[in-house]
N, C-alpha and C. Protein backbone atom coordinates (compact mmCIF):
# COMPACT_ATOMS: atom_id res chain seq x y z
N UNK A 1 5.72 10.09 -37.53
CA UNK A 1 5.63 11.02 -36.40
C UNK A 1 5.42 10.22 -35.12
N UNK A 2 6.07 10.61 -34.07
CA UNK A 2 5.95 9.92 -32.78
C UNK A 2 5.54 10.93 -31.73
N UNK A 3 4.84 10.41 -30.71
CA UNK A 3 4.40 11.27 -29.61
C UNK A 3 5.02 10.75 -28.32
N UNK A 4 5.31 11.63 -27.38
CA UNK A 4 5.81 11.22 -26.07
C UNK A 4 4.66 10.70 -25.22
N UNK A 5 4.89 9.61 -24.50
CA UNK A 5 3.89 9.08 -23.57
C UNK A 5 4.56 8.88 -22.23
N UNK A 6 3.79 8.98 -21.18
CA UNK A 6 4.30 8.80 -19.82
C UNK A 6 3.86 7.43 -19.33
N UNK A 7 4.81 6.55 -19.05
CA UNK A 7 4.51 5.22 -18.54
C UNK A 7 4.28 5.29 -17.04
N UNK A 8 3.60 4.24 -16.45
CA UNK A 8 3.32 4.25 -15.01
C UNK A 8 4.55 4.43 -14.14
N UNK A 9 5.70 3.92 -14.59
CA UNK A 9 6.90 4.03 -13.79
C UNK A 9 7.53 5.42 -13.88
N UNK A 10 6.93 6.31 -14.71
CA UNK A 10 7.44 7.66 -14.82
C UNK A 10 8.45 7.83 -15.94
N UNK A 11 8.65 6.81 -16.78
CA UNK A 11 9.60 6.89 -17.87
C UNK A 11 8.87 7.36 -19.13
N UNK A 12 9.47 8.28 -19.83
CA UNK A 12 8.86 8.77 -21.07
C UNK A 12 9.42 7.94 -22.22
N UNK A 13 8.50 7.43 -23.05
CA UNK A 13 8.90 6.66 -24.23
C UNK A 13 8.21 7.25 -25.45
N UNK A 14 8.75 6.92 -26.59
CA UNK A 14 8.15 7.36 -27.84
C UNK A 14 7.12 6.32 -28.25
N UNK A 15 5.86 6.74 -28.45
CA UNK A 15 4.82 5.83 -28.90
C UNK A 15 4.75 5.90 -30.41
N UNK A 16 4.73 4.76 -31.10
CA UNK A 16 4.63 4.81 -32.56
C UNK A 16 3.27 5.35 -32.97
N UNK A 17 3.22 5.97 -34.13
CA UNK A 17 1.96 6.51 -34.64
C UNK A 17 1.55 5.74 -35.88
N UNK A 18 0.24 5.75 -36.17
CA UNK A 18 -0.25 5.08 -37.38
C UNK A 18 -0.18 6.06 -38.55
N UNK A 19 -0.72 5.67 -39.70
CA UNK A 19 -0.64 6.48 -40.92
C UNK A 19 -1.33 7.83 -40.78
N UNK A 20 -2.34 7.93 -39.92
CA UNK A 20 -3.07 9.20 -39.77
C UNK A 20 -2.42 10.14 -38.76
N UNK A 21 -1.35 9.67 -38.13
CA UNK A 21 -0.67 10.52 -37.16
C UNK A 21 -1.17 10.36 -35.74
N UNK A 22 -2.16 9.48 -35.51
CA UNK A 22 -2.68 9.23 -34.17
C UNK A 22 -1.75 8.26 -33.45
N UNK A 23 -1.57 8.48 -32.18
CA UNK A 23 -0.73 7.57 -31.39
C UNK A 23 -1.41 6.22 -31.26
N UNK A 24 -0.63 5.17 -31.38
CA UNK A 24 -1.16 3.82 -31.23
C UNK A 24 -1.01 3.39 -29.77
N UNK A 25 -1.91 2.53 -29.33
CA UNK A 25 -1.84 1.99 -27.96
C UNK A 25 -0.78 0.91 -27.93
N UNK A 26 0.12 0.99 -27.01
CA UNK A 26 1.13 -0.05 -26.85
C UNK A 26 1.03 -0.61 -25.45
N UNK A 27 1.14 -1.91 -25.35
CA UNK A 27 1.07 -2.56 -24.04
C UNK A 27 2.46 -2.61 -23.43
N UNK A 28 2.52 -2.35 -22.15
CA UNK A 28 3.79 -2.46 -21.42
C UNK A 28 3.83 -3.87 -20.85
N UNK A 29 4.83 -4.66 -21.22
CA UNK A 29 4.88 -6.03 -20.71
C UNK A 29 5.10 -6.04 -19.19
N UNK A 30 4.40 -6.92 -18.49
CA UNK A 30 4.57 -6.98 -17.03
C UNK A 30 5.94 -7.55 -16.68
N UNK A 31 6.40 -7.19 -15.51
CA UNK A 31 7.65 -7.75 -15.02
C UNK A 31 7.47 -9.25 -14.85
N UNK A 32 8.42 -10.03 -15.31
CA UNK A 32 8.27 -11.48 -15.28
C UNK A 32 8.55 -12.06 -13.90
N UNK A 33 9.48 -11.50 -13.18
CA UNK A 33 9.81 -12.03 -11.86
C UNK A 33 9.88 -10.89 -10.84
N UNK A 34 9.37 -11.13 -9.62
CA UNK A 34 9.49 -10.09 -8.60
C UNK A 34 10.96 -9.93 -8.19
N UNK A 35 11.27 -8.75 -7.72
CA UNK A 35 12.64 -8.47 -7.28
C UNK A 35 12.92 -9.26 -6.01
N UNK A 36 14.06 -9.92 -5.97
CA UNK A 36 14.44 -10.70 -4.80
C UNK A 36 14.78 -9.75 -3.65
N UNK A 37 14.33 -10.11 -2.44
CA UNK A 37 14.63 -9.31 -1.26
C UNK A 37 15.98 -9.72 -0.70
N UNK A 38 16.66 -8.75 -0.12
CA UNK A 38 17.91 -9.07 0.55
C UNK A 38 17.59 -9.78 1.87
N UNK A 39 18.57 -10.43 2.44
CA UNK A 39 18.37 -11.13 3.71
C UNK A 39 17.94 -10.15 4.79
N UNK A 40 18.54 -8.97 4.80
CA UNK A 40 18.18 -7.97 5.81
C UNK A 40 16.74 -7.50 5.64
N UNK A 41 16.32 -7.30 4.39
CA UNK A 41 14.94 -6.87 4.14
C UNK A 41 13.96 -7.96 4.55
N UNK A 42 14.30 -9.21 4.32
CA UNK A 42 13.42 -10.31 4.71
C UNK A 42 13.31 -10.41 6.23
N UNK A 43 14.42 -10.24 6.95
CA UNK A 43 14.37 -10.24 8.42
C UNK A 43 13.48 -9.12 8.94
N UNK A 44 13.60 -7.94 8.35
CA UNK A 44 12.79 -6.80 8.78
C UNK A 44 11.32 -7.06 8.47
N UNK A 45 11.02 -7.66 7.32
CA UNK A 45 9.64 -7.97 6.98
C UNK A 45 9.03 -8.93 8.00
N UNK A 46 9.80 -9.99 8.39
CA UNK A 46 9.30 -10.94 9.39
C UNK A 46 9.15 -10.27 10.75
N UNK A 47 10.08 -9.40 11.13
CA UNK A 47 10.01 -8.68 12.41
C UNK A 47 8.73 -7.83 12.46
N UNK A 48 8.47 -7.10 11.39
CA UNK A 48 7.28 -6.24 11.37
C UNK A 48 5.99 -7.06 11.40
N UNK A 49 5.99 -8.21 10.70
CA UNK A 49 4.80 -9.06 10.72
C UNK A 49 4.56 -9.62 12.12
N UNK A 50 5.63 -10.06 12.80
CA UNK A 50 5.47 -10.55 14.18
C UNK A 50 4.93 -9.45 15.08
N UNK A 51 5.45 -8.25 14.93
CA UNK A 51 4.99 -7.12 15.75
C UNK A 51 3.50 -6.86 15.50
N UNK A 52 3.07 -6.90 14.24
CA UNK A 52 1.64 -6.72 13.93
C UNK A 52 0.81 -7.84 14.54
N UNK A 53 1.38 -9.04 14.61
CA UNK A 53 0.67 -10.20 15.18
C UNK A 53 0.75 -10.24 16.70
N UNK A 54 1.47 -9.28 17.32
CA UNK A 54 1.60 -9.25 18.77
C UNK A 54 2.60 -10.27 19.30
N UNK A 55 3.54 -10.68 18.48
CA UNK A 55 4.52 -11.69 18.88
C UNK A 55 5.89 -11.05 19.05
N UNK A 56 6.72 -11.72 19.85
CA UNK A 56 8.12 -11.32 20.00
C UNK A 56 8.96 -12.55 19.77
N UNK A 57 10.16 -12.38 19.29
CA UNK A 57 11.04 -13.50 18.97
C UNK A 57 12.16 -13.57 20.00
N UNK A 58 12.31 -14.73 20.64
CA UNK A 58 13.38 -14.96 21.61
C UNK A 58 14.10 -16.24 21.25
N UNK A 59 15.39 -16.27 21.48
CA UNK A 59 16.15 -17.49 21.32
C UNK A 59 16.45 -17.99 22.73
N UNK A 60 16.04 -19.23 23.02
CA UNK A 60 16.27 -19.77 24.36
C UNK A 60 17.01 -21.08 24.27
N UNK A 61 17.62 -21.46 25.36
CA UNK A 61 18.30 -22.75 25.45
C UNK A 61 17.50 -23.63 26.41
N UNK A 62 17.33 -24.89 26.04
CA UNK A 62 16.62 -25.84 26.89
C UNK A 62 17.60 -26.91 27.37
N UNK A 63 17.45 -27.30 28.62
CA UNK A 63 18.22 -28.42 29.15
C UNK A 63 17.59 -29.73 28.68
N UNK A 64 18.38 -30.77 28.62
CA UNK A 64 17.86 -32.10 28.27
C UNK A 64 16.74 -32.50 29.22
N UNK A 65 16.88 -32.12 30.50
CA UNK A 65 15.84 -32.47 31.48
C UNK A 65 14.52 -31.76 31.18
N UNK A 66 14.60 -30.56 30.61
CA UNK A 66 13.38 -29.84 30.24
C UNK A 66 12.71 -30.50 29.02
N UNK A 67 13.52 -30.99 28.10
CA UNK A 67 12.97 -31.73 26.96
C UNK A 67 12.36 -33.04 27.45
N UNK A 68 13.02 -33.69 28.42
CA UNK A 68 12.47 -34.92 29.03
C UNK A 68 11.10 -34.63 29.66
N UNK A 69 10.97 -33.47 30.30
CA UNK A 69 9.69 -33.11 30.93
C UNK A 69 8.59 -32.93 29.88
N UNK A 70 8.93 -32.35 28.73
CA UNK A 70 7.95 -32.22 27.66
C UNK A 70 7.48 -33.59 27.18
N UNK A 71 8.41 -34.55 27.14
CA UNK A 71 8.07 -35.91 26.73
C UNK A 71 7.17 -36.56 27.77
N UNK A 72 7.54 -36.43 29.06
CA UNK A 72 6.74 -37.02 30.14
C UNK A 72 5.31 -36.47 30.17
N UNK A 73 5.17 -35.19 29.86
CA UNK A 73 3.85 -34.56 29.88
C UNK A 73 3.05 -34.87 28.60
N UNK A 74 3.66 -35.59 27.67
CA UNK A 74 2.97 -35.95 26.43
C UNK A 74 2.92 -34.83 25.41
N UNK A 75 3.77 -33.83 25.58
CA UNK A 75 3.78 -32.70 24.66
C UNK A 75 4.80 -32.87 23.53
N UNK A 76 5.63 -33.90 23.64
CA UNK A 76 6.67 -34.15 22.65
C UNK A 76 6.90 -35.65 22.56
N UNK A 77 6.93 -36.19 21.37
CA UNK A 77 7.22 -37.62 21.18
C UNK A 77 8.71 -37.85 21.38
N UNK A 78 9.06 -38.92 22.06
CA UNK A 78 10.47 -39.20 22.40
C UNK A 78 11.34 -39.26 21.15
N UNK A 79 10.81 -39.80 20.06
CA UNK A 79 11.63 -39.92 18.84
C UNK A 79 11.87 -38.57 18.15
N UNK A 80 11.15 -37.54 18.60
CA UNK A 80 11.31 -36.20 18.01
C UNK A 80 12.10 -35.25 18.90
N UNK A 81 12.78 -35.77 19.90
CA UNK A 81 13.49 -34.91 20.85
C UNK A 81 14.59 -34.09 20.21
N UNK A 82 15.11 -34.51 19.05
CA UNK A 82 16.19 -33.77 18.39
C UNK A 82 15.67 -32.96 17.20
N UNK A 83 14.37 -32.96 16.99
CA UNK A 83 13.76 -32.20 15.90
C UNK A 83 13.36 -30.82 16.41
N UNK A 84 13.96 -29.78 15.83
CA UNK A 84 13.74 -28.41 16.29
C UNK A 84 12.25 -28.03 16.28
N UNK A 85 11.58 -28.29 15.16
CA UNK A 85 10.18 -27.89 15.04
C UNK A 85 9.29 -28.62 16.04
N UNK A 86 9.58 -29.90 16.29
CA UNK A 86 8.78 -30.68 17.24
C UNK A 86 8.98 -30.16 18.67
N UNK A 87 10.22 -29.88 19.03
CA UNK A 87 10.50 -29.34 20.37
C UNK A 87 9.83 -27.98 20.53
N UNK A 88 9.90 -27.16 19.49
CA UNK A 88 9.27 -25.84 19.54
C UNK A 88 7.76 -25.98 19.74
N UNK A 89 7.13 -26.89 19.02
CA UNK A 89 5.69 -27.11 19.17
C UNK A 89 5.35 -27.60 20.57
N UNK A 90 6.17 -28.50 21.11
CA UNK A 90 5.95 -28.98 22.47
C UNK A 90 6.07 -27.88 23.50
N UNK A 91 7.05 -27.02 23.31
CA UNK A 91 7.24 -25.90 24.24
C UNK A 91 6.07 -24.92 24.14
N UNK A 92 5.61 -24.64 22.92
CA UNK A 92 4.44 -23.78 22.76
C UNK A 92 3.22 -24.37 23.47
N UNK A 93 3.03 -25.68 23.32
CA UNK A 93 1.90 -26.33 23.98
C UNK A 93 2.01 -26.21 25.50
N UNK A 94 3.24 -26.38 26.02
CA UNK A 94 3.46 -26.25 27.46
C UNK A 94 3.12 -24.83 27.92
N UNK A 95 3.61 -23.82 27.19
CA UNK A 95 3.35 -22.43 27.57
C UNK A 95 1.86 -22.10 27.48
N UNK A 96 1.20 -22.63 26.46
CA UNK A 96 -0.24 -22.39 26.34
C UNK A 96 -0.98 -22.95 27.55
N UNK A 97 -0.59 -24.14 27.97
CA UNK A 97 -1.24 -24.75 29.15
C UNK A 97 -0.94 -23.95 30.42
N UNK A 98 0.33 -23.65 30.62
CA UNK A 98 0.74 -22.97 31.86
C UNK A 98 0.22 -21.53 31.92
N UNK A 99 0.35 -20.80 30.83
CA UNK A 99 -0.04 -19.40 30.84
C UNK A 99 -1.52 -19.20 30.55
N UNK A 100 -2.16 -20.20 29.97
CA UNK A 100 -3.58 -20.12 29.77
C UNK A 100 -4.32 -19.99 31.09
N UNK A 101 -3.76 -20.63 32.12
CA UNK A 101 -4.34 -20.52 33.45
C UNK A 101 -4.22 -19.10 33.99
N UNK A 102 -3.13 -18.43 33.66
CA UNK A 102 -2.94 -17.03 34.11
C UNK A 102 -3.93 -16.11 33.44
N UNK A 103 -4.25 -16.40 32.17
CA UNK A 103 -5.18 -15.56 31.42
C UNK A 103 -6.58 -15.60 32.00
N UNK A 104 -6.91 -16.70 32.73
CA UNK A 104 -8.24 -16.83 33.32
C UNK A 104 -8.38 -16.01 34.59
N UNK A 105 -7.26 -15.60 35.18
CA UNK A 105 -7.30 -14.89 36.46
C UNK A 105 -7.70 -13.45 36.32
């Protein structure tokens, strides 16, 4: 004899019964791997996280002379002038210095 059981996902399965007719406890195996997100879903997740963090995303172009200025100010090492992450960090440091003064006003 089998009894219907309702699983957490809402699917009804037949639970095996023991000799006395009582339903036996069966474990539902956990999902082994999380579902992969699509590229669009991942972009939206990052957008929402930035919005919660009070950030906005902009793509900007820098002139070589502006990168040179970051180097002169000591915000970027000359050997890292072609490294995206290093230039980004230098620009963030520059903005923090320049706009930090505005925040004090």
